C-alpha atoms as a PDB file:
ATOM      1  CA  LYS A   1     119.803  59.843 107.890  1.00  0.00           C
ATOM      2  CA  PRO A   2     119.085  63.562 107.787  1.00  0.00           C
ATOM      3  CA  ILE A   3     117.193  64.648 104.701  1.00  0.00           C
ATOM      4  CA  ALA A   4     118.278  67.440 102.418  1.00  0.00           C
ATOM      5  CA  VAL A   5     116.150  70.480 103.089  1.00  0.00           C
ATOM      6  CA  GLY A   6     114.114  71.055  99.989  1.00  0.00           C
ATOM      7  CA  LYS A   7     110.498  70.983  98.903  1.00  0.00           C
ATOM      8  CA  VAL A   8     108.648  68.197 100.647  1.00  0.00           C
ATOM      9  CA  SER A   9     106.692  65.854  98.384  1.00  0.00           C
ATOM     10  CA  TYR A  10     104.017  63.710  99.963  1.00  0.00           C
ATOM     11  CA  GLY A  11     104.855  60.026  99.681  1.00  0.00           C
ATOM     12  CA  LYS A  12     108.533  60.454  98.703  1.00  0.00           C
ATOM     13  CA  THR A  13     109.938  60.343 102.259  1.00  0.00           C
ATOM     14  CA  ALA A  14     108.400  59.772 105.663  1.00  0.00           C
ATOM     15  CA  SER A  15     106.180  62.793 106.330  1.00  0.00           C
ATOM     16  CA  LYS A  16     107.280  63.364 109.919  1.00  0.00           C
ATOM     17  CA  LYS A  17     110.978  63.072 109.012  1.00  0.00           C
ATOM     18  CA  ALA A  18     110.626  65.422 106.040  1.00  0.00           C
ATOM     19  CA  ILE A  19     108.674  68.040 108.016  1.00  0.00           C
ATOM     20  CA  SER A  20     111.096  67.761 110.939  1.00  0.00           C
ATOM     21  CA  GLY A  21     114.076  68.437 108.664  1.00  0.00           C
ATOM     22  CA  VAL A  22     112.499  71.587 107.266  1.00  0.00           C
ATOM     23  CA  LEU A  23     111.337  72.790 110.700  1.00  0.00           C
ATOM     24  CA  SER A  24     114.771  72.399 112.269  1.00  0.00           C
ATOM     25  CA  SER A  25     116.247  74.444 109.444  1.00  0.00           C
ATOM     26  CA  VAL A  26     113.578  77.166 109.376  1.00  0.00           C
ATOM     27  CA  LEU A  27     112.471  77.648 113.002  1.00  0.00           C
ATOM     28  CA  PHE A  28     115.871  78.553 114.405  1.00  0.00           C
ATOM     29  CA  ASN A  29     117.377  80.358 111.417  1.00  0.00           C
ATOM     30  CA  TYR A  30     114.641  82.633 110.053  1.00  0.00           C
ATOM     31  CA  LYS A  31     113.299  85.735 111.791  1.00  0.00           C
ATOM     32  CA  TYR A  32     109.480  85.689 111.719  1.00  0.00           C
ATOM     33  CA  SER A  33     107.086  87.412 114.099  1.00  0.00           C
ATOM     34  CA  SER A  34     103.737  85.784 113.308  1.00  0.00           C
ATOM     35  CA  LEU A  35     102.280  82.489 112.165  1.00  0.00           C
ATOM     36  CA  ALA A  36     101.540  84.041 108.766  1.00  0.00           C
ATOM     37  CA  GLU A  37     105.202  85.017 108.329  1.00  0.00           C
ATOM     38  CA  LEU A  38     106.372  81.553 109.400  1.00  0.00           C
ATOM     39  CA  ASN A  39     103.925  79.977 106.954  1.00  0.00           C
ATOM     40  CA  ALA A  40     105.325  82.184 104.165  1.00  0.00           C
ATOM     41  CA  VAL A  41     108.683  80.443 104.616  1.00  0.00           C
ATOM     42  CA  LEU A  42     107.232  76.980 105.217  1.00  0.00           C
ATOM     43  CA  GLN A  43     105.082  77.305 102.099  1.00  0.00           C
ATOM     44  CA  LEU A  44     108.277  77.480 100.027  1.00  0.00           C
ATOM     45  CA  TYR A  45     108.964  73.936 101.272  1.00  0.00           C
ATOM     46  CA  ASN A  46     105.336  72.731 100.801  1.00  0.00           C
ATOM     47  CA  ILE A  47     104.561  72.771 104.528  1.00  0.00           C
ATOM     48  CA  LYS A  48     102.000  74.680 106.572  1.00  0.00           C
ATOM     49  CA  ALA A  49     101.583  75.251 110.297  1.00  0.00           C
ATOM     50  CA  ASP A  50      97.855  75.119 111.006  1.00  0.00           C
ATOM     51  CA  ARG A  51      95.893  76.151 114.103  1.00  0.00           C
ATOM     52  CA  GLY A  52      92.602  74.877 112.668  1.00  0.00           C
ATOM     53  CA  GLY A  53      89.384  76.848 112.296  1.00  0.00           C
ATOM     54  CA  GLU A  54      88.188  79.084 115.126  1.00  0.00           C
ATOM     55  CA  GLY A  55      85.556  76.559 116.172  1.00  0.00           C
ATOM     56  CA  SER A  56      87.818  73.502 115.938  1.00  0.00           C
ATOM     57  CA  ARG A  57      89.118  71.474 118.878  1.00  0.00           C
ATOM     58  CA  ILE A  58      92.720  72.226 117.893  1.00  0.00           C
ATOM     59  CA  PHE A  59      92.144  75.984 117.940  1.00  0.00           C
ATOM     60  CA  LYS A  60      90.228  75.953 121.235  1.00  0.00           C
ATOM     61  CA  ALA A  61      92.963  73.910 122.916  1.00  0.00           C
ATOM     62  CA  GLY A  62      95.723  76.219 121.623  1.00  0.00           C
ATOM     63  CA  GLY A  63      97.141  73.405 119.524  1.00  0.00           C
ATOM     64  CA  LEU A  64      99.090  73.378 116.294  1.00  0.00           C
ATOM     65  CA  VAL A  65      99.544  70.813 113.519  1.00  0.00           C
ATOM     66  CA  TYR A  66     101.888  70.705 110.565  1.00  0.00           C
ATOM     67  CA  ARG A  67     100.651  69.664 107.128  1.00  0.00           C
ATOM     68  CA  ILE A  68     102.265  68.835 103.807  1.00  0.00           C
ATOM     69  CA  LEU A  69     100.940  70.822 100.843  1.00  0.00           C
ATOM     70  CA  ASP A  70     100.499  69.649  97.265  1.00  0.00           C
ATOM     71  CA  LYS A  71     101.492  71.649  94.170  1.00  0.00           C
ATOM     72  CA  GLU A  72      98.330  73.767  94.398  1.00  0.00           C
ATOM     73  CA  GLY A  73      98.971  74.606  98.070  1.00  0.00           C
ATOM     74  CA  LYS A  74      96.213  72.349  99.413  1.00  0.00           C
ATOM     75  CA  ALA A  75      96.806  70.172 102.486  1.00  0.00           C
ATOM     76  CA  ILE A  76      97.438  66.514 101.703  1.00  0.00           C
ATOM     77  CA  GLY A  77      97.880  63.518 103.989  1.00  0.00           C
ATOM     78  CA  VAL A  78      97.464  63.306 107.741  1.00  0.00           C
ATOM     79  CA  PRO A  79      98.415  66.364 109.838  1.00  0.00           C
ATOM     80  CA  ILE A  80     101.086  65.846 112.481  1.00  0.00           C
ATOM     81  CA  LYS A  81     100.739  67.430 115.923  1.00  0.00           C
ATOM     82  CA  ALA A  82     103.466  69.890 116.884  1.00  0.00           C
ATOM     83  CA  SER A  83     104.003  68.080 120.177  1.00  0.00           C
ATOM     84  CA  ASP A  84     104.898  64.868 118.284  1.00  0.00           C
ATOM     85  CA  PHE A  85     108.160  66.375 117.018  1.00  0.00           C
ATOM     86  CA  ALA A  86     111.326  66.081 119.113  1.00  0.00           C
ATOM     87  CA  MET A  87     111.942  69.862 119.088  1.00  0.00           C
ATOM     88  CA  LYS A  88     108.335  70.553 120.243  1.00  0.00           C
ATOM     89  CA  PRO A  89     107.513  73.386 117.773  1.00  0.00           C
ATOM     90  CA  THR A  90     104.211  74.115 119.537  1.00  0.00           C
ATOM     91  CA  LEU A  91     102.265  77.370 119.487  1.00  0.00           C
ATOM     92  CA  ALA A  92     103.763  78.363 122.858  1.00  0.00           C
ATOM     93  CA  PHE A  93     107.272  77.776 121.449  1.00  0.00           C
ATOM     94  CA  LEU A  94     106.483  79.854 118.349  1.00  0.00           C
ATOM     95  CA  GLU A  95     105.065  82.730 120.404  1.00  0.00           C
ATOM     96  CA  LYS A  96     108.368  82.955 122.301  1.00  0.00           C
ATOM     97  CA  ARG A  97     110.208  83.035 118.956  1.00  0.00           C
ATOM     98  CA  TYR A  98     107.926  85.854 117.685  1.00  0.00           C
ATOM     99  CA  VAL A  99     108.985  88.100 120.573  1.00  0.00           C
ATOM    100  CA  LEU A 100     112.652  87.210 120.158  1.00  0.00           C
ATOM    101  CA  ASN A 101     112.618  87.731 116.385  1.00  0.00           C
ATOM    102  CA  SER A 102     110.588  90.960 116.226  1.00  0.00           C
ATOM    103  CA  SER A 103     113.374  93.019 117.797  1.00  0.00           C
ATOM    104  CA  GLU A 104     115.983  91.868 115.254  1.00  0.00           C
ATOM    105  CA  LYS A 105     114.437  93.076 111.976  1.00  0.00           C
ATOM    106  CA  THR A 106     115.481  96.697 111.471  1.00  0.00           C
ATOM    107  CA  PHE A 107     118.576  96.173 109.325  1.00  0.00           C
ATOM    108  CA  GLU A 108     116.899  93.444 107.281  1.00  0.00           C
ATOM    109  CA  LYS A 109     113.928  95.710 106.545  1.00  0.00           C
ATOM    110  CA  ARG A 110     116.279  98.228 104.916  1.00  0.00           C
ATOM    111  CA  ARG A 111     117.817  95.568 102.658  1.00  0.00           C
ATOM    112  CA  ILE A 112     114.439  94.381 101.375  1.00  0.00           C
ATOM    113  CA  LYS A 113     113.215  97.954 100.818  1.00  0.00           C
ATOM    114  CA  THR A 114     116.375  98.775  98.873  1.00  0.00           C
ATOM    115  CA  GLU A 115     116.024  95.719  96.634  1.00  0.00           C
ATOM    116  CA  VAL A 116     112.336  96.432  95.912  1.00  0.00           C
ATOM    117  CA  ASP A 117     113.126 100.096  95.168  1.00  0.00           C
ATOM    118  CA  THR A 118     115.947  99.049  92.838  1.00  0.00           C
ATOM    119  CA  VAL A 119     113.578  96.857  90.818  1.00  0.00           C
ATOM    120  CA  PHE A 120     111.108  99.729  90.483  1.00  0.00           C
ATOM    121  CA  LEU A 121     113.817 102.072  89.148  1.00  0.00           C
ATOM    122  CA  SER A 122     113.649 100.175  85.858  1.00  0.00           C
ATOM    123  CA  LYS A 123     110.702 100.696  83.535  1.00  0.00           C
ATOM    124  CA  ASN A 124     107.789  98.367  82.794  1.00  0.00           C
ATOM    125  CA  VAL A 125     107.762  96.494  86.087  1.00  0.00           C
ATOM    126  CA  ASP A 126     104.883  94.098  86.666  1.00  0.00           C
ATOM    127  CA  MET A 127     104.385  91.565  89.475  1.00  0.00           C
ATOM    128  CA  ASP A 128     106.110  88.720  87.586  1.00  0.00           C
ATOM    129  CA  ARG A 129     109.154  90.897  86.909  1.00  0.00           C
ATOM    130  CA  LEU A 130     109.284  92.009  90.557  1.00  0.00           C
ATOM    131  CA  VAL A 131     109.180  88.391  91.770  1.00  0.00           C
ATOM    132  CA  PHE A 132     111.854  87.353  89.243  1.00  0.00           C
ATOM    133  CA  GLU A 133     114.253  90.218  90.035  1.00  0.00           C
ATOM    134  CA  LEU A 134     113.899  89.813  93.806  1.00  0.00           C
ATOM    135  CA  ARG A 135     114.509  86.059  93.537  1.00  0.00           C
ATOM    136  CA  LYS A 136     117.830  86.823  91.798  1.00  0.00           C
ATOM    137  CA  GLU A 137     118.761  88.836  94.909  1.00  0.00           C
ATOM    138  CA  GLY A 138     117.819  86.006  97.288  1.00  0.00           C
ATOM    139  CA  ILE A 139     114.358  87.306  98.211  1.00  0.00           C
ATOM    140  CA  ASP A 140     111.259  85.195  97.615  1.00  0.00           C
ATOM    141  CA  THR A 141     107.888  86.915  97.461  1.00  0.00           C
ATOM    142  CA  VAL A 142     104.884  85.017  98.735  1.00  0.00           C
ATOM    143  CA  LEU A 143     101.722  86.418  97.187  1.00  0.00           C
ATOM    144  CA  ARG A 144      98.397  85.903  98.936  1.00  0.00           C
ATOM    145  CA  LYS A 145      95.365  85.937  96.663  1.00  0.00           C
ATOM    146  CA  SER A 146      91.647  85.606  97.261  1.00  0.00           C
ATOM    147  CA  ASP A 147      89.560  82.844  95.679  1.00  0.00           C
ATOM    148  CA  THR A 148      88.773  85.226  92.828  1.00  0.00           C
ATOM    149  CA  GLY A 149      92.482  85.796  92.135  1.00  0.00           C
ATOM    150  CA  GLN A 150      92.657  89.270  93.684  1.00  0.00           C
ATOM    151  CA  LEU A 151      96.031  90.000  95.320  1.00  0.00           C
ATOM    152  CA  TYR A 152      95.538  91.068  98.936  1.00  0.00           C
ATOM    153  CA  GLY A 153      98.884  90.434 100.587  1.00  0.00           C
ATOM    154  CA  ILE A 154     102.594  90.073  99.964  1.00  0.00           C
ATOM    155  CA  THR A 155     105.303  88.695 102.220  1.00  0.00           C
ATOM    156  CA  TYR A 156     109.022  88.989 101.550  1.00  0.00           C
ATOM    157  CA  VAL A 157     111.319  86.093 102.545  1.00  0.00           C
ATOM    158  CA  ASP A 158     114.959  87.187 102.466  1.00  0.00           C
ATOM    159  CA  HIS A 159     117.165  84.095 102.334  1.00  0.00           C
ATOM    160  CA  ILE A 160     120.362  86.133 102.750  1.00  0.00           C
ATOM    161  CA  THR A 161     119.466  87.736 106.101  1.00  0.00           C
ATOM    162  CA  LYS A 162     116.913  84.975 106.944  1.00  0.00           C
ATOM    163  CA  CYS A 163     114.259  87.597 107.619  1.00  0.00           C
ATOM    164  CA  VAL A 164     110.542  87.347 106.836  1.00  0.00           C
ATOM    165  CA  LEU A 165     108.510  90.556 106.555  1.00  0.00           C
ATOM    166  CA  ASN A 166     104.935  91.260 105.633  1.00  0.00           C
ATOM    167  CA  GLY A 167     104.734  94.005 103.005  1.00  0.00           C
ATOM    168  CA  SER A 168     102.323  96.138 105.039  1.00  0.00           C
ATOM    169  CA  MET A 169     104.742  96.099 108.002  1.00  0.00           C
ATOM    170  CA  MET A 170     107.388  97.726 105.787  1.00  0.00           C
ATOM    171  CA  GLY A 171     105.195 100.618 104.707  1.00  0.00           C
ATOM    172  CA  ASN A 172     102.355 101.289 102.288  1.00  0.00           C
ATOM    173  CA  ASN A 173     104.600 101.374  99.202  1.00  0.00           C
ATOM    174  CA  TYR A 174     105.693  97.775  99.851  1.00  0.00           C
ATOM    175  CA  SER A 175     102.274  96.297 100.600  1.00  0.00           C
ATOM    176  CA  ALA A 176     100.212  94.459  97.987  1.00  0.00           C
ATOM    177  CA  LYS A 177      97.990  97.508  97.511  1.00  0.00           C
ATOM    178  CA  GLY A 178     100.972  99.855  97.164  1.00  0.00           C
ATOM    179  CA  ILE A 179     102.730  97.688  94.628  1.00  0.00           C
END
C-alpha cells in the first residue's frame, strides 16, 4: 500500500517504504537546484540526502544515501543507498534535475519576494512572526543555525508553486543576514 506523504517517524513504517513515498512526491514535483535546497524540503518530512564527509568512501565514490531524522534533526537508523530505491534517486539523477529546475524559477522567486515583503510591511516583525505569516501563505522557511545558535542561512520552500529557493539567491534583503 502507498503511504500517506507526511513526516516520517523511525520505527512506525518500513524505512525504505516511507522514504520512497516522500522521495517520489518531492523529487518530481519540487523545483530545487542544489542538494541543500532538496534537503530543505526533505527536512520537512524528517529525511536527509547525505553525501557523507569529504573523506568518506561514499563521497569519494560519488554516492548518496538517504537517512531518517529524529525530532532534533539528527540521523537515526541505518542509511539507505540511493541506488536501492526503484526510482534510482542517485547523485547523477539529482544533478540532471538541478539543471532542469534552475531555469524554471523566475516567476516563483517573485511570489516569495512579494510574500516576504508583505510580512515586513507590518510593524514589529521578528523571525518567529515571519515564519508564522509565511506558513499561512504556503511557504515554509528552513532556518540553518550554527552550533552556537547563530542564524547563517534561510531557505524558502513554497508549497504552492513547489519551488525551493535559498534566501541569498533571491537577493541580500532575503538572506539570513538581510533579514
